[in-house]
C-alpha atoms as a PDB file:
ATOM      1  CA  MET A   1     -44.609  -1.088 -20.744  1.00  0.00           C
ATOM      2  CA  ALA A   2     -41.401  -2.636 -21.638  1.00  0.00           C
ATOM      3  CA  PRO A   3     -41.507  -6.312 -22.989  1.00  0.00           C
ATOM      4  CA  PHE A   4     -40.634  -8.719 -20.040  1.00  0.00           C
ATOM      5  CA  SER A   5     -37.756  -9.844 -21.797  1.00  0.00           C
ATOM      6  CA  HIS A   6     -36.402  -6.478 -21.757  1.00  0.00           C
ATOM      7  CA  VAL A   7     -36.783  -5.967 -18.001  1.00  0.00           C
ATOM      8  CA  LEU A   8     -35.212  -9.385 -17.340  1.00  0.00           C
ATOM      9  CA  ALA A   9     -32.216  -8.330 -19.361  1.00  0.00           C
ATOM     10  CA  ILE A  10     -31.861  -5.130 -17.557  1.00  0.00           C
ATOM     11  CA  THR A  11     -32.336  -6.637 -14.161  1.00  0.00           C
ATOM     12  CA  LEU A  12     -29.688  -9.310 -15.009  1.00  0.00           C
ATOM     13  CA  THR A  13     -27.324  -6.724 -16.275  1.00  0.00           C
ATOM     14  CA  VAL A  14     -27.649  -4.782 -13.072  1.00  0.00           C
ATOM     15  CA  LEU A  15     -27.011  -7.986 -11.043  1.00  0.00           C
ATOM     16  CA  CYS A  16     -23.791  -8.647 -13.228  1.00  0.00           C
ATOM     17  CA  ILE A  17     -22.131  -5.287 -12.464  1.00  0.00           C
ATOM     18  CA  PRO A  18     -21.153  -5.849  -8.971  1.00  0.00           C
ATOM     19  CA  HIS A  19     -19.879  -9.285  -9.812  1.00  0.00           C
ATOM     20  CA  LEU A  20     -17.838  -8.276 -12.819  1.00  0.00           C
ATOM     21  CA  THR A  21     -16.377  -5.549 -10.406  1.00  0.00           C
ATOM     22  CA  LEU A  22     -15.374  -8.232  -7.980  1.00  0.00           C
ATOM     23  CA  VAL A  23     -13.985 -10.663 -10.410  1.00  0.00           C
ATOM     24  CA  ILE A  24     -11.723  -7.806 -11.993  1.00  0.00           C
ATOM     25  CA  LEU A  25     -10.550  -6.763  -8.540  1.00  0.00           C
ATOM     26  CA  ALA A  26      -9.853 -10.437  -7.751  1.00  0.00           C
ATOM     27  CA  HIS A  27      -8.071 -11.053 -10.934  1.00  0.00           C
ATOM     28  CA  GLY A  28      -6.052  -7.923 -10.424  1.00  0.00           C
ATOM     29  CA  LYS A  29      -5.172  -8.923  -6.938  1.00  0.00           C
ATOM     30  CA  ASP A  30      -4.251 -12.670  -7.977  1.00  0.00           C
ATOM     31  CA  ASN A  31      -1.982 -11.354 -10.644  1.00  0.00           C
ATOM     32  CA  PHE A  32      -0.351  -8.799  -8.419  1.00  0.00           C
ATOM     33  CA  ALA A  33       0.186 -11.531  -5.688  1.00  0.00           C
ATOM     34  CA  LYS A  34       1.752 -13.827  -8.452  1.00  0.00           C
ATOM     35  CA  GLU A  35       3.789 -11.251 -10.297  1.00  0.00           C
ATOM     36  CA  CYS A  36       5.027  -9.042  -7.162  1.00  0.00           C
ATOM     37  CA  PRO A  37       5.499 -11.415  -4.182  1.00  0.00           C
ATOM     38  CA  PRO A  38       7.449 -10.009  -1.210  1.00  0.00           C
ATOM     39  CA  SER A  39      11.043 -10.323  -1.686  1.00  0.00           C
ATOM     40  CA  SER A  40      14.440  -9.673   0.029  1.00  0.00           C
ATOM     41  CA  CYS A  41      18.269  -9.573  -0.643  1.00  0.00           C
ATOM     42  CA  SER A  42      18.892 -11.977   2.172  1.00  0.00           C
ATOM     43  CA  GLU A  43      17.142 -14.005   5.003  1.00  0.00           C
ATOM     44  CA  GLU A  44      18.297 -11.278   7.534  1.00  0.00           C
ATOM     45  CA  GLY A  45      17.335  -8.257   5.227  1.00  0.00           C
ATOM     46  CA  PRO A  46      13.919  -6.413   5.150  1.00  0.00           C
ATOM     47  CA  VAL A  47      11.154  -7.585   3.248  1.00  0.00           C
ATOM     48  CA  VAL A  48      10.637  -5.523   0.085  1.00  0.00           C
ATOM     49  CA  ARG A  49       6.990  -5.080  -1.141  1.00  0.00           C
ATOM     50  CA  TYR A  50       4.674  -2.649  -2.411  1.00  0.00           C
ATOM     51  CA  PRO A  51       5.106   0.652  -2.531  1.00  0.00           C
ATOM     52  CA  PHE A  52       8.702  -0.431  -2.737  1.00  0.00           C
ATOM     53  CA  ARG A  53      10.060  -3.012  -5.300  1.00  0.00           C
ATOM     54  CA  LEU A  54      13.532  -4.467  -6.099  1.00  0.00           C
ATOM     55  CA  ASP A  55      14.929  -3.297  -9.562  1.00  0.00           C
ATOM     56  CA  SER A  56      14.623  -7.011 -10.640  1.00  0.00           C
ATOM     57  CA  ARG A  57      10.797  -6.648 -10.316  1.00  0.00           C
ATOM     58  CA  PRO A  58       8.459  -5.446 -13.090  1.00  0.00           C
ATOM     59  CA  PRO A  59       7.734  -1.806 -12.957  1.00  0.00           C
ATOM     60  CA  HIS A  60       4.190  -2.154 -11.968  1.00  0.00           C
ATOM     61  CA  CYS A  61       5.300  -3.889  -8.636  1.00  0.00           C
ATOM     62  CA  GLY A  62       6.113  -0.542  -6.796  1.00  0.00           C
ATOM     63  CA  TYR A  63       6.428   3.140  -7.382  1.00  0.00           C
ATOM     64  CA  ASP A  64       9.233   4.582  -9.554  1.00  0.00           C
ATOM     65  CA  LYS A  65      10.866   6.472  -6.778  1.00  0.00           C
ATOM     66  CA  PHE A  66      10.627   3.324  -4.482  1.00  0.00           C
ATOM     67  CA  VAL A  67      13.021   1.109  -6.277  1.00  0.00           C
ATOM     68  CA  LEU A  68      15.464  -0.709  -4.029  1.00  0.00           C
ATOM     69  CA  TYR A  69      18.399  -3.158  -5.300  1.00  0.00           C
ATOM     70  CA  CYS A  70      20.503  -5.728  -3.838  1.00  0.00           C
ATOM     71  CA  SER A  71      24.159  -4.929  -3.232  1.00  0.00           C
ATOM     72  CA  GLY A  72      25.635  -8.282  -2.315  1.00  0.00           C
ATOM     73  CA  ASN A  73      23.200  -9.455   0.612  1.00  0.00           C
ATOM     74  CA  ASN A  74      22.548  -5.839   1.432  1.00  0.00           C
ATOM     75  CA  THR A  75      19.344  -4.015   0.387  1.00  0.00           C
ATOM     76  CA  ALA A  76      20.415  -0.817  -0.986  1.00  0.00           C
ATOM     77  CA  LEU A  77      18.752   2.588  -1.717  1.00  0.00           C
ATOM     78  CA  ARG A  78      20.010   5.399  -4.013  1.00  0.00           C
ATOM     79  CA  LEU A  79      18.944   9.027  -3.020  1.00  0.00           C
ATOM     80  CA  PRO A  80      19.526  11.369  -5.910  1.00  0.00           C
ATOM     81  CA  PHE A  81      21.747  13.885  -4.049  1.00  0.00           C
ATOM     82  CA  SER A  82      23.323  11.782  -1.256  1.00  0.00           C
ATOM     83  CA  GLY A  83      24.266   8.534  -2.908  1.00  0.00           C
ATOM     84  CA  GLU A  84      23.755   4.918  -1.891  1.00  0.00           C
ATOM     85  CA  TYR A  85      22.457   3.837   1.649  1.00  0.00           C
ATOM     86  CA  ASN A  86      21.826   0.450   3.048  1.00  0.00           C
ATOM     87  CA  VAL A  87      18.280  -0.189   4.208  1.00  0.00           C
ATOM     88  CA  THR A  88      18.387  -1.818   7.403  1.00  0.00           C
ATOM     89  CA  SER A  89      14.626  -2.065   8.086  1.00  0.00           C
ATOM     90  CA  ILE A  90      11.266  -1.048   6.521  1.00  0.00           C
ATOM     91  CA  ASP A  91       8.169  -0.344   8.742  1.00  0.00           C
ATOM     92  CA  TYR A  92       5.023  -0.600   6.579  1.00  0.00           C
ATOM     93  CA  ILE A  93       2.653   0.234   9.457  1.00  0.00           C
ATOM     94  CA  PHE A  94       4.249   3.608  10.330  1.00  0.00           C
ATOM     95  CA  SER A  95       5.704   4.295   7.016  1.00  0.00           C
ATOM     96  CA  HIS A  96       9.250   4.691   7.602  1.00  0.00           C
ATOM     97  CA  LEU A  97      12.609   2.988   6.969  1.00  0.00           C
ATOM     98  CA  SER A  98      16.062   2.849   8.601  1.00  0.00           C
ATOM     99  CA  ILE A  99      19.087   3.544   6.590  1.00  0.00           C
ATOM    100  CA  THR A 100      22.979   3.557   7.353  1.00  0.00           C
ATOM    101  CA  ARG A 101      26.129   3.782   5.411  1.00  0.00           C
ATOM    102  CA  TYR A 102      29.484   1.848   5.608  1.00  0.00           C
ATOM    103  CA  SER A 103      31.408   5.180   5.822  1.00  0.00           C
ATOM    104  CA  TRP A 104      29.269   6.046   8.965  1.00  0.00           C
ATOM    105  CA  THR A 105      30.631   3.199  10.897  1.00  0.00           C
ATOM    106  CA  PRO A 106      33.868   4.411  12.044  1.00  0.00           C
ATOM    107  CA  CYS A 107      32.797   7.823  13.021  1.00  0.00           C
ATOM    108  CA  PRO A 108      29.006   8.171  12.362  1.00  0.00           C
ATOM    109  CA  TRP A 109      28.989  11.845  13.990  1.00  0.00           C
ATOM    110  CA  ARG A 110      30.922  13.051  11.005  1.00  0.00           C
ATOM    111  CA  ASN A 111      28.148  12.669   8.951  1.00  0.00           C
ATOM    112  CA  ILE A 112      25.324  14.050  10.991  1.00  0.00           C
ATOM    113  CA  GLY A 113      23.258  16.452   9.115  1.00  0.00           C
ATOM    114  CA  ILE A 114      24.585  15.759   5.688  1.00  0.00           C
ATOM    115  CA  LEU A 115      21.651  13.883   4.480  1.00  0.00           C
ATOM    116  CA  ASN A 116      20.227  15.529   1.444  1.00  0.00           C
ATOM    117  CA  LEU A 117      16.635  14.231   0.518  1.00  0.00           C
ATOM    118  CA  THR A 118      16.017  16.533  -2.339  1.00  0.00           C
ATOM    119  CA  GLY A 119      14.366  14.707  -5.451  1.00  0.00           C
ATOM    120  CA  SER A 120      13.351  11.696  -3.263  1.00  0.00           C
ATOM    121  CA  PRO A 121       9.902  10.666  -1.976  1.00  0.00           C
ATOM    122  CA  PHE A 122      11.065  10.677   1.468  1.00  0.00           C
ATOM    123  CA  SER A 123      11.223  13.030   4.301  1.00  0.00           C
ATOM    124  CA  ASP A 124      12.798  13.413   7.784  1.00  0.00           C
ATOM    125  CA  PHE A 125      10.232  14.127  10.517  1.00  0.00           C
ATOM    126  CA  SER A 126      12.106  17.350  11.553  1.00  0.00           C
ATOM    127  CA  TYR A 127      15.789  18.289  12.338  1.00  0.00           C
ATOM    128  CA  MET A 128      17.356  19.919  15.276  1.00  0.00           C
ATOM    129  CA  ASN A 129      20.503  21.882  16.023  1.00  0.00           C
ATOM    130  CA  VAL A 130      23.401  20.278  17.892  1.00  0.00           C
ATOM    131  CA  THR A 131      26.361  21.864  19.381  1.00  0.00           C
ATOM    132  CA  TRP A 132      29.812  20.297  19.809  1.00  0.00           C
ATOM    133  CA  LEU A 133      31.373  20.500  23.281  1.00  0.00           C
ATOM    134  CA  ASP A 134      35.213  20.357  23.716  1.00  0.00           C
ATOM    135  CA  CYS A 135      35.829  19.168  27.338  1.00  0.00           C
ATOM    136  CA  PRO A 136      39.023  18.669  29.165  1.00  0.00           C
ATOM    137  CA  THR A 137      37.959  15.588  31.238  1.00  0.00           C
ATOM    138  CA  VAL A 138      35.347  12.993  30.976  1.00  0.00           C
ATOM    139  CA  LEU A 139      31.953  13.967  32.173  1.00  0.00           C
ATOM    140  CA  THR A 140      30.967  11.737  35.014  1.00  0.00           C
ATOM    141  CA  SER A 141      27.256  12.921  34.943  1.00  0.00           C
ATOM    142  CA  ILE A 142      25.477  13.944  31.714  1.00  0.00           C
ATOM    143  CA  SER A 143      21.736  14.776  30.943  1.00  0.00           C
ATOM    144  CA  ASN A 144      19.784  12.742  28.027  1.00  0.00           C
ATOM    145  CA  ASP A 145      20.284  15.854  25.890  1.00  0.00           C
ATOM    146  CA  VAL A 146      24.159  15.257  25.965  1.00  0.00           C
ATOM    147  CA  ALA A 147      25.926  12.318  24.199  1.00  0.00           C
ATOM    148  CA  GLY A 148      29.639  11.368  24.355  1.00  0.00           C
ATOM    149  CA  PRO A 149      32.475  11.243  24.842  1.00  0.00           C
ATOM    150  CA  ILE A 150      32.768  10.643  21.090  1.00  0.00           C
ATOM    151  CA  SER A 151      35.914   8.615  20.649  1.00  0.00           C
ATOM    152  CA  CYS A 152      36.709   9.208  16.901  1.00  0.00           C
ATOM    153  CA  LEU A 153      36.262  13.046  17.405  1.00  0.00           C
ATOM    154  CA  SER A 154      38.303  13.209  20.807  1.00  0.00           C
ATOM    155  CA  SER A 155      42.171  13.464  21.025  1.00  0.00           C
ATOM    156  CA  GLN A 156      44.399  12.833  23.996  1.00  0.00           C
ATOM    157  CA  GLY A 157      43.518  15.054  26.776  1.00  0.00           C
ATOM    158  CA  ARG A 158      40.469  16.387  24.945  1.00  0.00           C
ATOM    159  CA  PHE A 159      37.032  14.751  24.909  1.00  0.00           C
ATOM    160  CA  THR A 160      34.238  15.723  22.506  1.00  0.00           C
ATOM    161  CA  TYR A 161      30.466  15.739  23.240  1.00  0.00           C
ATOM    162  CA  VAL A 162      27.388  16.734  21.397  1.00  0.00           C
ATOM    163  CA  ALA A 163      24.516  18.460  22.913  1.00  0.00           C
ATOM    164  CA  ILE A 164      21.060  19.672  21.666  1.00  0.00           C
ATOM    165  CA  THR A 165      21.704  23.367  20.986  1.00  0.00           C
ATOM    166  CA  ASP A 166      18.734  24.376  23.262  1.00  0.00           C
ATOM    167  CA  THR A 167      19.945  22.301  25.937  1.00  0.00           C
ATOM    168  CA  PRO A 168      19.575  24.406  29.431  1.00  0.00           C
ATOM    169  CA  ILE A 169      22.818  26.034  30.193  1.00  0.00           C
ATOM    170  CA  TRP A 170      22.906  24.142  33.720  1.00  0.00           C
ATOM    171  CA  ASN A 171      23.057  20.889  31.861  1.00  0.00           C
ATOM    172  CA  VAL A 172      26.428  21.793  30.063  1.00  0.00           C
ATOM    173  CA  PRO A 173      29.567  21.639  32.023  1.00  0.00           C
ATOM    174  CA  ALA A 174      31.197  24.939  32.664  1.00  0.00           C
ATOM    175  CA  ASN A 175      34.674  23.613  31.859  1.00  0.00           C
ATOM    176  CA  CYS A 176      33.501  22.449  28.347  1.00  0.00           C
ATOM    177  CA  THR A 177      33.927  24.896  25.268  1.00  0.00           C
ATOM    178  CA  LYS A 178      31.489  25.207  22.348  1.00  0.00           C
ATOM    179  CA  THR A 179      33.363  24.516  19.087  1.00  0.00           C
ATOM    180  CA  ASN A 180      30.729  24.052  16.418  1.00  0.00           C
ATOM    181  CA  THR A 181      26.879  24.127  15.734  1.00  0.00           C
ATOM    182  CA  SER A 182      25.216  21.971  12.849  1.00  0.00           C
ATOM    183  CA  HIS A 183      22.014  20.418  11.755  1.00  0.00           C
ATOM    184  CA  ALA A 184      21.028  16.859  13.033  1.00  0.00           C
ATOM    185  CA  TYR A 185      18.020  15.000  11.748  1.00  0.00           C
ATOM    186  CA  TYR A 186      15.382  14.201  14.590  1.00  0.00           C
ATOM    187  CA  GLY A 187      14.869  10.998  12.419  1.00  0.00           C
ATOM    188  CA  TRP A 188      18.217   9.520  13.211  1.00  0.00           C
ATOM    189  CA  GLY A 189      16.407   7.055  15.304  1.00  0.00           C
ATOM    190  CA  PRO A 190      13.603   6.576  17.978  1.00  0.00           C
ATOM    191  CA  TRP A 191      16.289   4.723  20.138  1.00  0.00           C
ATOM    192  CA  GLY A 192      17.586   7.949  21.784  1.00  0.00           C
ATOM    193  CA  PHE A 193      20.031  10.793  20.943  1.00  0.00           C
ATOM    194  CA  GLN A 194      22.744   9.113  23.074  1.00  0.00           C
ATOM    195  CA  GLU A 195      22.580   5.753  21.298  1.00  0.00           C
ATOM    196  CA  PHE A 196      23.381   7.083  17.660  1.00  0.00           C
ATOM    197  CA  ASP A 197      27.169   6.334  18.097  1.00  0.00           C
ATOM    198  CA  ALA A 198      26.334   2.750  18.748  1.00  0.00           C
ATOM    199  CA  ARG A 199      23.565   2.473  16.107  1.00  0.00           C
ATOM    200  CA  PRO A 200      24.289   5.012  13.182  1.00  0.00           C
ATOM    201  CA  GLN A 201      20.988   4.883  11.446  1.00  0.00           C
ATOM    202  CA  ALA A 202      18.833   7.424   9.962  1.00  0.00           C
ATOM    203  CA  LEU A 203      15.065   7.356   9.791  1.00  0.00           C
ATOM    204  CA  LEU A 204      13.097   8.126   6.756  1.00  0.00           C
ATOM    205  CA  TYR A 205       9.447   8.746   6.222  1.00  0.00           C
ATOM    206  CA  TRP A 206       7.048   8.222   3.191  1.00  0.00           C
ATOM    207  CA  GLU A 207       3.339   8.829   2.400  1.00  0.00           C
ATOM    208  CA  ASP A 208       1.397   6.985  -0.309  1.00  0.00           C
ATOM    209  CA  TYR A 209      -1.080   9.837  -1.139  1.00  0.00           C
ATOM    210  CA  ASP A 210      -3.098   7.221  -3.190  1.00  0.00           C
ATOM    211  CA  VAL A 211      -4.260   5.255  -0.205  1.00  0.00           C
ATOM    212  CA  ILE A 212      -3.626   7.840   2.591  1.00  0.00           C
ATOM    213  CA  ASN A 213      -6.258   6.290   4.817  1.00  0.00           C
ATOM    214  CA  CYS A 214      -5.063   2.723   4.375  1.00  0.00           C
ATOM    215  CA  SER A 215      -3.546   2.019   7.821  1.00  0.00           C
ATOM    216  CA  GLU A 216      -1.640  -1.180   8.263  1.00  0.00           C
ATOM    217  CA  GLU A 217      -1.900  -0.702  11.870  1.00  0.00           C
ATOM    218  CA  ASN A 218      -5.772  -1.520  11.389  1.00  0.00           C
ATOM    219  CA  GLY A 219      -4.996  -4.677   9.539  1.00  0.00           C
ATOM    220  CA  HIS A 220      -5.022  -3.210   6.087  1.00  0.00           C
ATOM    221  CA  HIS A 221      -2.257  -3.197   3.465  1.00  0.00           C
ATOM    222  CA  CYS A 222      -1.417  -1.383   0.311  1.00  0.00           C
ATOM    223  CA  GLU A 223      -0.971  -2.823  -2.869  1.00  0.00           C
ATOM    224  CA  SER A 224      -1.271  -2.091  -6.683  1.00  0.00           C
ATOM    225  CA  ASN A 225      -4.303  -3.369  -8.769  1.00  0.00           C
ATOM    226  CA  LEU A 226      -2.895  -4.471 -12.215  1.00  0.00           C
ATOM    227  CA  GLU A 227      -6.126  -4.050 -14.050  1.00  0.00           C
ATOM    228  CA  THR A 228      -6.694  -0.358 -12.789  1.00  0.00           C
ATOM    229  CA  ARG A 229      -3.012   0.424 -12.281  1.00  0.00           C
ATOM    230  CA  LYS A 230      -3.822   2.186  -9.138  1.00  0.00           C
ATOM    231  CA  SER A 231      -3.064   1.653  -5.396  1.00  0.00           C
ATOM    232  CA  ILE A 232      -5.856  -0.006  -3.307  1.00  0.00           C
ATOM    233  CA  CYS A 233      -6.103  -0.598   0.314  1.00  0.00           C
ATOM    234  CA  SER A 234      -6.795  -4.407   1.202  1.00  0.00           C
ATOM    235  CA  VAL A 235      -7.613  -6.233   4.024  1.00  0.00           C
ATOM    236  CA  LYS A 236      -4.815  -8.829   5.084  1.00  0.00           C
ATOM    237  CA  ASP A 237      -5.516 -12.381   4.219  1.00  0.00           C
ATOM    238  CA  SER A 238      -8.623 -11.728   2.331  1.00  0.00           C
ATOM    239  CA  HIS A 239      -9.766 -14.666   0.240  1.00  0.00           C
ATOM    240  CA  TRP A 240     -10.607 -12.921  -3.046  1.00  0.00           C
ATOM    241  CA  GLY A 241     -10.517 -15.893  -5.091  1.00  0.00           C
ATOM    242  CA  LEU A 242     -12.948 -17.582  -2.873  1.00  0.00           C
ATOM    243  CA  ILE A 243     -15.107 -14.447  -2.776  1.00  0.00           C
ATOM    244  CA  ALA A 244     -15.110 -14.305  -6.558  1.00  0.00           C
ATOM    245  CA  GLY A 245     -15.841 -18.044  -6.697  1.00  0.00           C
ATOM    246  CA  ILE A 246     -18.855 -17.617  -4.348  1.00  0.00           C
ATOM    247  CA  SER A 247     -20.120 -14.627  -6.236  1.00  0.00           C
ATOM    248  CA  SER A 248     -19.740 -16.519  -9.742  1.00  0.00           C
ATOM    249  CA  GLY A 249     -21.788 -19.347  -8.117  1.00  0.00           C
ATOM    250  CA  VAL A 250     -24.698 -17.107  -6.939  1.00  0.00           C
ATOM    251  CA  LEU A 251     -24.530 -15.158 -10.362  1.00  0.00           C
ATOM    252  CA  SER A 252     -24.794 -18.696 -12.081  1.00  0.00           C
ATOM    253  CA  ILE A 253     -27.933 -19.533 -10.035  1.00  0.00           C
ATOM    254  CA  LEU A 254     -29.456 -16.048 -10.748  1.00  0.00           C
ATOM    255  CA  LEU A 255     -28.836 -16.373 -14.354  1.00  0.00           C
ATOM    256  CA  LEU A 256     -30.216 -19.979 -14.550  1.00  0.00           C
ATOM    257  CA  GLY A 257     -33.371 -19.037 -12.479  1.00  0.00           C
ATOM    258  CA  GLY A 258     -33.876 -16.004 -14.771  1.00  0.00           C
ATOM    259  CA  PHE A 259     -33.475 -18.155 -17.946  1.00  0.00           C
ATOM    260  CA  THR A 260     -35.921 -20.732 -16.524  1.00  0.00           C
ATOM    261  CA  PHE A 261     -38.344 -18.108 -15.450  1.00  0.00           C
ATOM    262  CA  HIS A 262     -38.338 -16.599 -19.001  1.00  0.00           C
ATOM    263  CA  ILE A 263     -38.894 -20.005 -20.627  1.00  0.00           C
ATOM    264  CA  ILE A 264     -41.819 -20.643 -18.389  1.00  0.00           C
ATOM    265  CA  HIS A 265     -43.171 -17.215 -18.961  1.00  0.00           C
ATOM    266  CA  GLN A 266     -42.851 -17.506 -22.722  1.00  0.00           C
ATOM    267  CA  SER A 267     -44.595 -20.878 -22.513  1.00  0.00           C
ATOM    268  CA  ASN A 268     -47.313 -19.417 -20.457  1.00  0.00           C
ATOM    269  CA  LYS A 269     -47.649 -16.532 -22.763  1.00  0.00           C
ATOM    270  CA  LYS A 270     -48.220 -19.068 -25.933  1.00  0.00           C
ATOM    271  CA  ARG A 271     -50.589 -20.974 -23.935  1.00  0.00           C
ATOM    272  CA  ASN A 272     -52.550 -18.027 -23.119  1.00  0.00           C
ATOM    273  CA  ILE A 273     -52.475 -16.782 -26.605  1.00  0.00           C
ATOM    274  CA  HIS A 274     -53.652 -20.262 -28.065  1.00  0.00           C
ATOM    275  CA  ARG A 275     -56.488 -20.394 -25.586  1.00  0.00           C
ATOM    276  CA  LYS A 276     -57.670 -16.956 -26.470  1.00  0.00           C
ATOM    277  CA  VAL A 277     -57.646 -18.001 -30.105  1.00  0.00           C
ATOM    278  CA  GLU A 278     -59.828 -20.886 -29.524  1.00  0.00           C
ATOM    279  CA  HIS A 279     -62.058 -18.864 -27.420  1.00  0.00           C
ATOM    280  CA  PHE A 280     -62.510 -16.343 -30.345  1.00  0.00           C
ATOM    281  CA  LEU A 281     -63.066 -19.110 -32.949  1.00  0.00           C
ATOM    282  CA  ARG A 282     -65.764 -20.893 -30.608  1.00  0.00           C
ATOM    283  CA  ARG A 283     -67.463 -17.423 -30.268  1.00  0.00           C
ATOM    284  CA  TYR A 284     -67.228 -16.729 -33.914  1.00  0.00           C
ATOM    285  CA  ARG A 285     -68.790 -19.886 -34.815  1.00  0.00           C
ATOM    286  CA  VAL A 286     -71.787 -19.246 -32.515  1.00  0.00           C
ATOM    287  CA  MET A 287     -72.307 -15.615 -33.845  1.00  0.00           C
ATOM    288  CA  ASN A 288     -71.732 -16.654 -37.426  1.00  0.00           C
ATOM    289  CA  PRO A 289     -73.647 -19.975 -38.104  1.00  0.00           C
ATOM    290  CA  THR A 290     -72.997 -21.789 -41.351  1.00  0.00           C
ATOM    291  CA  ARG A 291     -75.010 -20.659 -44.234  1.00  0.00           C
ATOM    292  CA  TYR A 292     -76.271 -23.360 -46.433  1.00  0.00           C
ATOM    293  CA  THR A 293     -77.487 -22.841 -50.169  1.00  0.00           C
ATOM    294  CA  TYR A 294     -80.664 -24.311 -51.468  1.00  0.00           C
ATOM    295  CA  ASP A 295     -78.855 -27.009 -53.252  1.00  0.00           C
ATOM    296  CA  ASP A 296     -77.344 -28.144 -50.014  1.00  0.00           C
ATOM    297  CA  LEU A 297     -80.571 -28.722 -48.598  1.00  0.00           C
END
């Protein structure tokens, strides 16, 4: 049987492991919160936090391909094959961001379908084909699958509309001529096909494979742990420092109790040994009486 001190040491070590793990996680979270707080380029701009980071923040504050930067008061994103875009909003719950471009403002429909996402961590949900319609008059009644007239593409006496290519033929006026077909990203916005002219923004999606089950919709959020250098899924507003403090207190009590118990055990052990020695000496004296010589008598 192992000595009691060895058993006690093993027990305390096992008890320490969860505490040390919690302390490491809490320390990593505290450091991350201090070094990588949410930031923005302006009061009106989107909040930038993990997995994104501004280029002025340390590299561990976000993924390498999720780096944003400030262009004046605008939050900017550079796509490898499409250039610079302004980020107008970031939705961390549904993992998508809206982007636009100054050049889109005068005539956003000229830029439809030119977004190249190669080499970026983003994707469009899907895309659809659209057909351009040249009409001699303004359409008084159009379906939800048709948008226009597009003033920047129209000319005197000619009015340009855009329609989803698979729009039923009866929804396309007979006096309109199809002029061209191109790709349009479905992610140009959840606000409706007809409203893109007034709100020219593209919608991009991302997915964090390290924490694929971390749903902010359920009160969690994704962040990086500086000790482990990995993404973690945390509960919002969790008091890790308080939890670690309570854990330290409980562990201290356990260690003090274990040490006290060890001292008492050792004291009792010595007392028992001393008692056994005295008992042995008494029995020895009885069994081995003192022998006297003739001269002693």
